[in-house]
Amino acid sequence: METVQLAIHDAPYALALRDQLERTGAREVRCVEVPDPRREGVIVVDAGALDRLPVPFLNPERVVLITRNDPQHLAQAWNAGIRSVVFNEDPLSTAVLAIMAVELRVPKSSAIREGSA
């Protein structure tokens, strides 16, 4: 089962995204304050949570950033290796598609397991 960690402070958006993700397939969706990069799966963050992730990011290809269309945030994400960005004005379905694309693109063993780091 896929795991998606949501670290989004806009509670209504996070809950709506969680509901959409749970409806579209077999995955465990967790709303978290700070995502655990050692856990397999996709990490979905907003700009605030992005600032709290350890640098350098572990497997930035696993991260989907939900942010406003701001050149500073986009440059920060690009420099960190994040390639999946969804603007917060985009429909939820766009975020769901970005998350599904990461699930398909990233190998299941991309996360660092506890005890092996």
N, C-alpha and C. Protein backbone atom coordinates (compact mmCIF):
# COMPACT_ATOMS: atom_id res chain seq x y z
N MET A 1 0.85 -1.18 0.00
CA MET A 1 0.00 0.00 0.00
C MET A 1 0.89 1.24 0.00
N GLU A 2 0.58 2.19 -0.85
CA GLU A 2 1.31 3.45 -0.91
C GLU A 2 1.01 4.29 0.32
N THR A 3 1.98 5.11 0.70
CA THR A 3 1.78 6.04 1.80
C THR A 3 1.98 7.45 1.27
N VAL A 4 1.11 8.35 1.67
CA VAL A 4 1.23 9.77 1.34
C VAL A 4 1.19 10.53 2.65
N GLN A 5 2.21 11.34 2.89
CA GLN A 5 2.25 12.19 4.07
C GLN A 5 1.89 13.61 3.63
N LEU A 6 0.87 14.17 4.24
CA LEU A 6 0.43 15.53 3.94
C LEU A 6 0.86 16.46 5.06
N ALA A 7 1.72 17.41 4.76
CA ALA A 7 2.13 18.44 5.72
C ALA A 7 1.69 19.78 5.15
N ILE A 8 0.39 20.02 5.27
CA ILE A 8 -0.24 21.23 4.71
C ILE A 8 -1.01 21.90 5.82
N HIS A 9 -0.72 23.16 6.06
CA HIS A 9 -1.34 23.86 7.18
C HIS A 9 -2.74 24.40 6.89
N ASP A 10 -3.12 24.48 5.65
CA ASP A 10 -4.48 24.88 5.30
C ASP A 10 -5.36 23.64 5.52
N ALA A 11 -5.95 23.56 6.71
CA ALA A 11 -6.69 22.36 7.11
C ALA A 11 -7.80 21.96 6.14
N PRO A 12 -8.64 22.88 5.68
CA PRO A 12 -9.68 22.46 4.73
C PRO A 12 -9.10 21.87 3.43
N TYR A 13 -8.02 22.48 2.94
CA TYR A 13 -7.38 21.96 1.73
C TYR A 13 -6.80 20.57 2.00
N ALA A 14 -6.10 20.41 3.13
CA ALA A 14 -5.49 19.13 3.47
C ALA A 14 -6.55 18.03 3.61
N LEU A 15 -7.65 18.34 4.27
CA LEU A 15 -8.71 17.33 4.44
C LEU A 15 -9.37 16.98 3.11
N ALA A 16 -9.60 17.97 2.28
CA ALA A 16 -10.20 17.71 0.96
C ALA A 16 -9.25 16.88 0.10
N LEU A 17 -7.96 17.19 0.15
CA LEU A 17 -6.98 16.42 -0.61
C LEU A 17 -6.90 14.99 -0.08
N ARG A 18 -6.90 14.84 1.23
CA ARG A 18 -6.88 13.49 1.82
C ARG A 18 -8.09 12.68 1.35
N ASP A 19 -9.27 13.29 1.37
CA ASP A 19 -10.48 12.59 0.93
C ASP A 19 -10.37 12.17 -0.54
N GLN A 20 -9.88 13.07 -1.39
CA GLN A 20 -9.71 12.75 -2.81
C GLN A 20 -8.73 11.58 -2.99
N LEU A 21 -7.61 11.63 -2.28
CA LEU A 21 -6.61 10.57 -2.41
C LEU A 21 -7.14 9.23 -1.93
N GLU A 22 -7.88 9.22 -0.85
CA GLU A 22 -8.41 7.97 -0.33
C GLU A 22 -9.46 7.39 -1.27
N ARG A 23 -10.16 8.24 -2.00
CA ARG A 23 -11.18 7.76 -2.95
C ARG A 23 -10.58 7.19 -4.22
N THR A 24 -9.37 7.64 -4.59
CA THR A 24 -8.81 7.25 -5.89
C THR A 24 -8.00 5.97 -5.86
N GLY A 25 -7.78 5.38 -4.72
CA GLY A 25 -7.02 4.13 -4.72
C GLY A 25 -6.60 3.68 -3.35
N ALA A 26 -5.87 2.59 -3.35
CA ALA A 26 -5.41 1.97 -2.12
C ALA A 26 -4.12 2.64 -1.65
N ARG A 27 -4.27 3.56 -0.75
CA ARG A 27 -3.11 4.24 -0.17
C ARG A 27 -3.46 4.68 1.23
N GLU A 28 -2.44 4.77 2.05
CA GLU A 28 -2.60 5.30 3.39
C GLU A 28 -2.22 6.77 3.33
N VAL A 29 -3.11 7.63 3.78
CA VAL A 29 -2.86 9.07 3.77
C VAL A 29 -2.77 9.53 5.21
N ARG A 30 -1.66 10.18 5.53
CA ARG A 30 -1.44 10.69 6.88
C ARG A 30 -1.27 12.19 6.84
N CYS A 31 -2.04 12.89 7.66
CA CYS A 31 -1.84 14.33 7.85
C CYS A 31 -0.83 14.46 8.99
N VAL A 32 0.30 15.10 8.71
CA VAL A 32 1.39 15.20 9.68
C VAL A 32 1.83 16.65 9.81
N GLU A 33 2.40 16.98 10.96
CA GLU A 33 2.97 18.31 11.17
C GLU A 33 4.31 18.42 10.44
N VAL A 34 5.14 17.40 10.63
CA VAL A 34 6.45 17.33 9.97
C VAL A 34 6.58 15.94 9.36
N PRO A 35 6.77 15.86 8.04
CA PRO A 35 6.87 14.55 7.40
C PRO A 35 8.15 13.82 7.79
N ASP A 36 8.08 12.50 7.78
CA ASP A 36 9.23 11.66 8.08
C ASP A 36 9.82 11.17 6.76
N PRO A 37 10.97 11.71 6.34
CA PRO A 37 11.55 11.32 5.05
C PRO A 37 12.04 9.87 5.02
N ARG A 38 12.14 9.22 6.18
CA ARG A 38 12.56 7.82 6.21
C ARG A 38 11.43 6.89 5.80
N ARG A 39 10.22 7.37 5.82
CA ARG A 39 9.05 6.57 5.47
C ARG A 39 8.90 6.56 3.95
N GLU A 40 8.62 5.39 3.41
CA GLU A 40 8.40 5.29 1.96
C GLU A 40 7.17 6.08 1.55
N GLY A 41 7.12 6.46 0.28
CA GLY A 41 5.95 7.10 -0.27
C GLY A 41 6.18 8.55 -0.60
N VAL A 42 5.08 9.21 -0.88
CA VAL A 42 5.09 10.59 -1.34
C VAL A 42 4.95 11.52 -0.14
N ILE A 43 5.67 12.64 -0.21
CA ILE A 43 5.57 13.68 0.80
C ILE A 43 4.99 14.92 0.13
N VAL A 44 3.88 15.39 0.64
CA VAL A 44 3.22 16.59 0.09
C VAL A 44 3.34 17.68 1.14
N VAL A 45 3.94 18.80 0.75
CA VAL A 45 4.20 19.89 1.68
C VAL A 45 3.72 21.21 1.11
N ASP A 46 3.45 22.15 2.03
CA ASP A 46 3.24 23.53 1.62
C ASP A 46 4.56 24.27 1.86
N ALA A 47 4.60 25.56 1.58
CA ALA A 47 5.84 26.33 1.71
C ALA A 47 6.36 26.32 3.15
N GLY A 48 5.47 26.40 4.12
CA GLY A 48 5.89 26.39 5.53
C GLY A 48 6.54 25.08 5.92
N ALA A 49 5.96 23.97 5.50
CA ALA A 49 6.53 22.66 5.82
C ALA A 49 7.83 22.43 5.05
N LEU A 50 7.92 22.98 3.86
CA LEU A 50 9.15 22.86 3.07
C LEU A 50 10.32 23.47 3.84
N ASP A 51 10.08 24.59 4.48
CA ASP A 51 11.14 25.26 5.25
C ASP A 51 11.61 24.43 6.44
N ARG A 52 10.77 23.51 6.91
CA ARG A 52 11.12 22.70 8.09
C ARG A 52 11.76 21.36 7.72
N LEU A 53 11.79 21.01 6.45
CA LEU A 53 12.42 19.75 6.05
C LEU A 53 13.94 19.88 6.16
N PRO A 54 14.62 18.80 6.54
CA PRO A 54 16.09 18.86 6.63
C PRO A 54 16.72 19.04 5.26
N VAL A 55 17.76 19.84 5.23
CA VAL A 55 18.47 20.10 3.97
C VAL A 55 19.82 19.44 4.08
N PRO A 56 20.31 18.72 3.08
CA PRO A 56 19.62 18.46 1.82
C PRO A 56 18.49 17.45 2.01
N PHE A 57 17.48 17.56 1.15
CA PHE A 57 16.33 16.67 1.22
C PHE A 57 16.73 15.27 0.82
N LEU A 58 16.16 14.29 1.51
CA LEU A 58 16.31 12.90 1.10
C LEU A 58 15.31 12.64 -0.02
N ASN A 59 15.79 12.24 -1.16
CA ASN A 59 14.93 11.89 -2.29
C ASN A 59 13.92 12.99 -2.63
N PRO A 60 14.38 14.16 -3.07
CA PRO A 60 13.44 15.25 -3.36
C PRO A 60 12.44 14.93 -4.47
N GLU A 61 12.72 13.91 -5.26
CA GLU A 61 11.78 13.51 -6.31
C GLU A 61 10.49 12.95 -5.73
N ARG A 62 10.48 12.65 -4.42
CA ARG A 62 9.29 12.14 -3.74
C ARG A 62 8.40 13.26 -3.23
N VAL A 63 8.85 14.50 -3.31
CA VAL A 63 8.14 15.63 -2.70
C VAL A 63 7.27 16.33 -3.74
N VAL A 64 6.04 16.61 -3.34
CA VAL A 64 5.13 17.46 -4.12
C VAL A 64 4.92 18.72 -3.29
N LEU A 65 5.22 19.86 -3.87
CA LEU A 65 5.07 21.14 -3.18
C LEU A 65 3.77 21.80 -3.62
N ILE A 66 2.95 22.19 -2.65
CA ILE A 66 1.73 22.97 -2.90
C ILE A 66 2.06 24.39 -2.46
N THR A 67 2.08 25.33 -3.39
CA THR A 67 2.49 26.69 -3.07
C THR A 67 1.81 27.69 -3.99
N ARG A 68 1.96 28.94 -3.64
CA ARG A 68 1.46 29.99 -4.54
C ARG A 68 2.50 30.19 -5.64
N ASN A 69 2.09 30.82 -6.70
CA ASN A 69 2.97 31.06 -7.83
C ASN A 69 3.90 32.23 -7.48
N ASP A 70 4.94 31.92 -6.74
CA ASP A 70 5.88 32.92 -6.25
C ASP A 70 7.28 32.52 -6.70
N PRO A 71 7.98 33.38 -7.43
CA PRO A 71 9.30 33.01 -7.95
C PRO A 71 10.28 32.56 -6.87
N GLN A 72 10.22 33.15 -5.70
CA GLN A 72 11.14 32.77 -4.62
C GLN A 72 10.89 31.33 -4.16
N HIS A 73 9.62 30.97 -3.96
CA HIS A 73 9.29 29.59 -3.56
C HIS A 73 9.67 28.60 -4.66
N LEU A 74 9.39 28.99 -5.90
CA LEU A 74 9.69 28.08 -7.00
C LEU A 74 11.20 27.88 -7.15
N ALA A 75 11.99 28.93 -6.98
CA ALA A 75 13.44 28.80 -7.06
C ALA A 75 13.96 27.94 -5.92
N GLN A 76 13.43 28.13 -4.73
CA GLN A 76 13.83 27.33 -3.57
C GLN A 76 13.54 25.85 -3.83
N ALA A 77 12.37 25.56 -4.36
CA ALA A 77 11.99 24.17 -4.65
C ALA A 77 12.91 23.59 -5.73
N TRP A 78 13.14 24.32 -6.77
CA TRP A 78 13.99 23.85 -7.87
C TRP A 78 15.41 23.57 -7.37
N ASN A 79 15.95 24.48 -6.59
CA ASN A 79 17.31 24.32 -6.06
C ASN A 79 17.41 23.12 -5.10
N ALA A 80 16.30 22.78 -4.47
CA ALA A 80 16.27 21.63 -3.56
C ALA A 80 16.07 20.30 -4.30
N GLY A 81 15.79 20.37 -5.59
CA GLY A 81 15.59 19.16 -6.38
C GLY A 81 14.14 18.75 -6.54
N ILE A 82 13.22 19.56 -6.04
CA ILE A 82 11.79 19.25 -6.16
C ILE A 82 11.33 19.61 -7.56
N ARG A 83 10.71 18.65 -8.22
CA ARG A 83 10.25 18.87 -9.59
C ARG A 83 8.74 18.83 -9.73
N SER A 84 8.03 18.49 -8.66
CA SER A 84 6.57 18.42 -8.70
C SER A 84 5.99 19.55 -7.87
N VAL A 85 5.44 20.53 -8.57
CA VAL A 85 4.88 21.71 -7.91
C VAL A 85 3.45 21.91 -8.40
N VAL A 86 2.55 22.13 -7.46
CA VAL A 86 1.16 22.44 -7.78
C VAL A 86 0.83 23.75 -7.10
N PHE A 87 0.20 24.64 -7.83
CA PHE A 87 -0.17 25.92 -7.23
C PHE A 87 -1.44 25.75 -6.40
N ASN A 88 -1.50 26.46 -5.29
CA ASN A 88 -2.64 26.29 -4.38
C ASN A 88 -3.96 26.75 -5.00
N GLU A 89 -3.92 27.47 -6.10
CA GLU A 89 -5.16 27.86 -6.79
C GLU A 89 -5.63 26.78 -7.76
N ASP A 90 -4.77 25.80 -8.05
CA ASP A 90 -5.14 24.73 -8.98
C ASP A 90 -6.22 23.84 -8.37
N PRO A 91 -7.00 23.17 -9.20
CA PRO A 91 -8.00 22.25 -8.67
C PRO A 91 -7.33 21.10 -7.90
N LEU A 92 -8.05 20.54 -6.94
CA LEU A 92 -7.52 19.41 -6.18
C LEU A 92 -7.12 18.26 -7.10
N SER A 93 -7.83 18.09 -8.18
CA SER A 93 -7.50 16.99 -9.09
C SER A 93 -6.09 17.13 -9.65
N THR A 94 -5.60 18.34 -9.80
CA THR A 94 -4.23 18.55 -10.27
C THR A 94 -3.24 18.05 -9.23
N ALA A 95 -3.49 18.33 -7.97
CA ALA A 95 -2.62 17.83 -6.89
C ALA A 95 -2.67 16.31 -6.84
N VAL A 96 -3.85 15.73 -6.99
CA VAL A 96 -3.98 14.27 -6.97
C VAL A 96 -3.17 13.66 -8.11
N LEU A 97 -3.26 14.25 -9.30
CA LEU A 97 -2.50 13.73 -10.44
C LEU A 97 -0.99 13.85 -10.21
N ALA A 98 -0.54 14.94 -9.62
CA ALA A 98 0.88 15.11 -9.32
C ALA A 98 1.35 14.03 -8.34
N ILE A 99 0.55 13.76 -7.34
CA ILE A 99 0.89 12.74 -6.34
C ILE A 99 0.93 11.36 -7.00
N MET A 100 -0.05 11.06 -7.82
CA MET A 100 -0.08 9.77 -8.51
C MET A 100 1.12 9.62 -9.43
N ALA A 101 1.52 10.69 -10.10
CA ALA A 101 2.70 10.65 -10.98
C ALA A 101 3.96 10.32 -10.19
N VAL A 102 4.10 10.92 -9.01
CA VAL A 102 5.26 10.63 -8.16
C VAL A 102 5.21 9.17 -7.72
N GLU A 103 4.04 8.68 -7.35
CA GLU A 103 3.93 7.27 -6.94
C GLU A 103 4.40 6.33 -8.04
N LEU A 104 4.08 6.66 -9.28
CA LEU A 104 4.47 5.80 -10.40
C LEU A 104 5.95 5.95 -10.75
N ARG A 105 6.48 7.14 -10.56
CA ARG A 105 7.84 7.46 -11.00
C ARG A 105 8.92 7.02 -10.01
N VAL A 106 8.62 7.04 -8.72
CA VAL A 106 9.64 6.81 -7.70
C VAL A 106 9.64 5.35 -7.28
N PRO A 107 10.82 4.73 -7.26
CA PRO A 107 10.89 3.34 -6.80
C PRO A 107 10.47 3.21 -5.35
N LYS A 108 9.92 2.08 -5.00
CA LYS A 108 9.41 1.85 -3.64
C LYS A 108 10.52 1.89 -2.60
N SER A 109 11.75 1.63 -2.98
CA SER A 109 12.85 1.60 -2.00
C SER A 109 13.57 2.93 -1.88
N SER A 110 12.95 4.02 -2.34
CA SER A 110 13.62 5.32 -2.34
C SER A 110 13.73 5.95 -0.97
N ALA A 111 12.90 5.52 -0.03
CA ALA A 111 12.97 6.08 1.32
C ALA A 111 14.03 5.35 2.11
N ILE A 112 14.63 6.05 3.03
CA ILE A 112 15.61 5.43 3.90
C ILE A 112 14.87 4.78 5.05
N ARG A 113 15.08 3.52 5.23
CA ARG A 113 14.38 2.81 6.30
C ARG A 113 15.07 3.06 7.63
N GLU A 114 14.26 3.04 8.68
CA GLU A 114 14.82 3.22 10.02
C GLU A 114 15.88 2.16 10.28
N GLY A 115 16.97 2.59 10.87
CA GLY A 115 18.05 1.68 11.18
C GLY A 115 19.09 1.55 10.09
N SER A 116 18.78 1.97 8.86
CA SER A 116 19.75 1.87 7.79
C SER A 116 20.40 3.21 7.48
N ALA A 117 19.98 4.27 8.15
CA ALA A 117 20.55 5.59 7.88
C ALA A 117 21.82 5.80 8.67
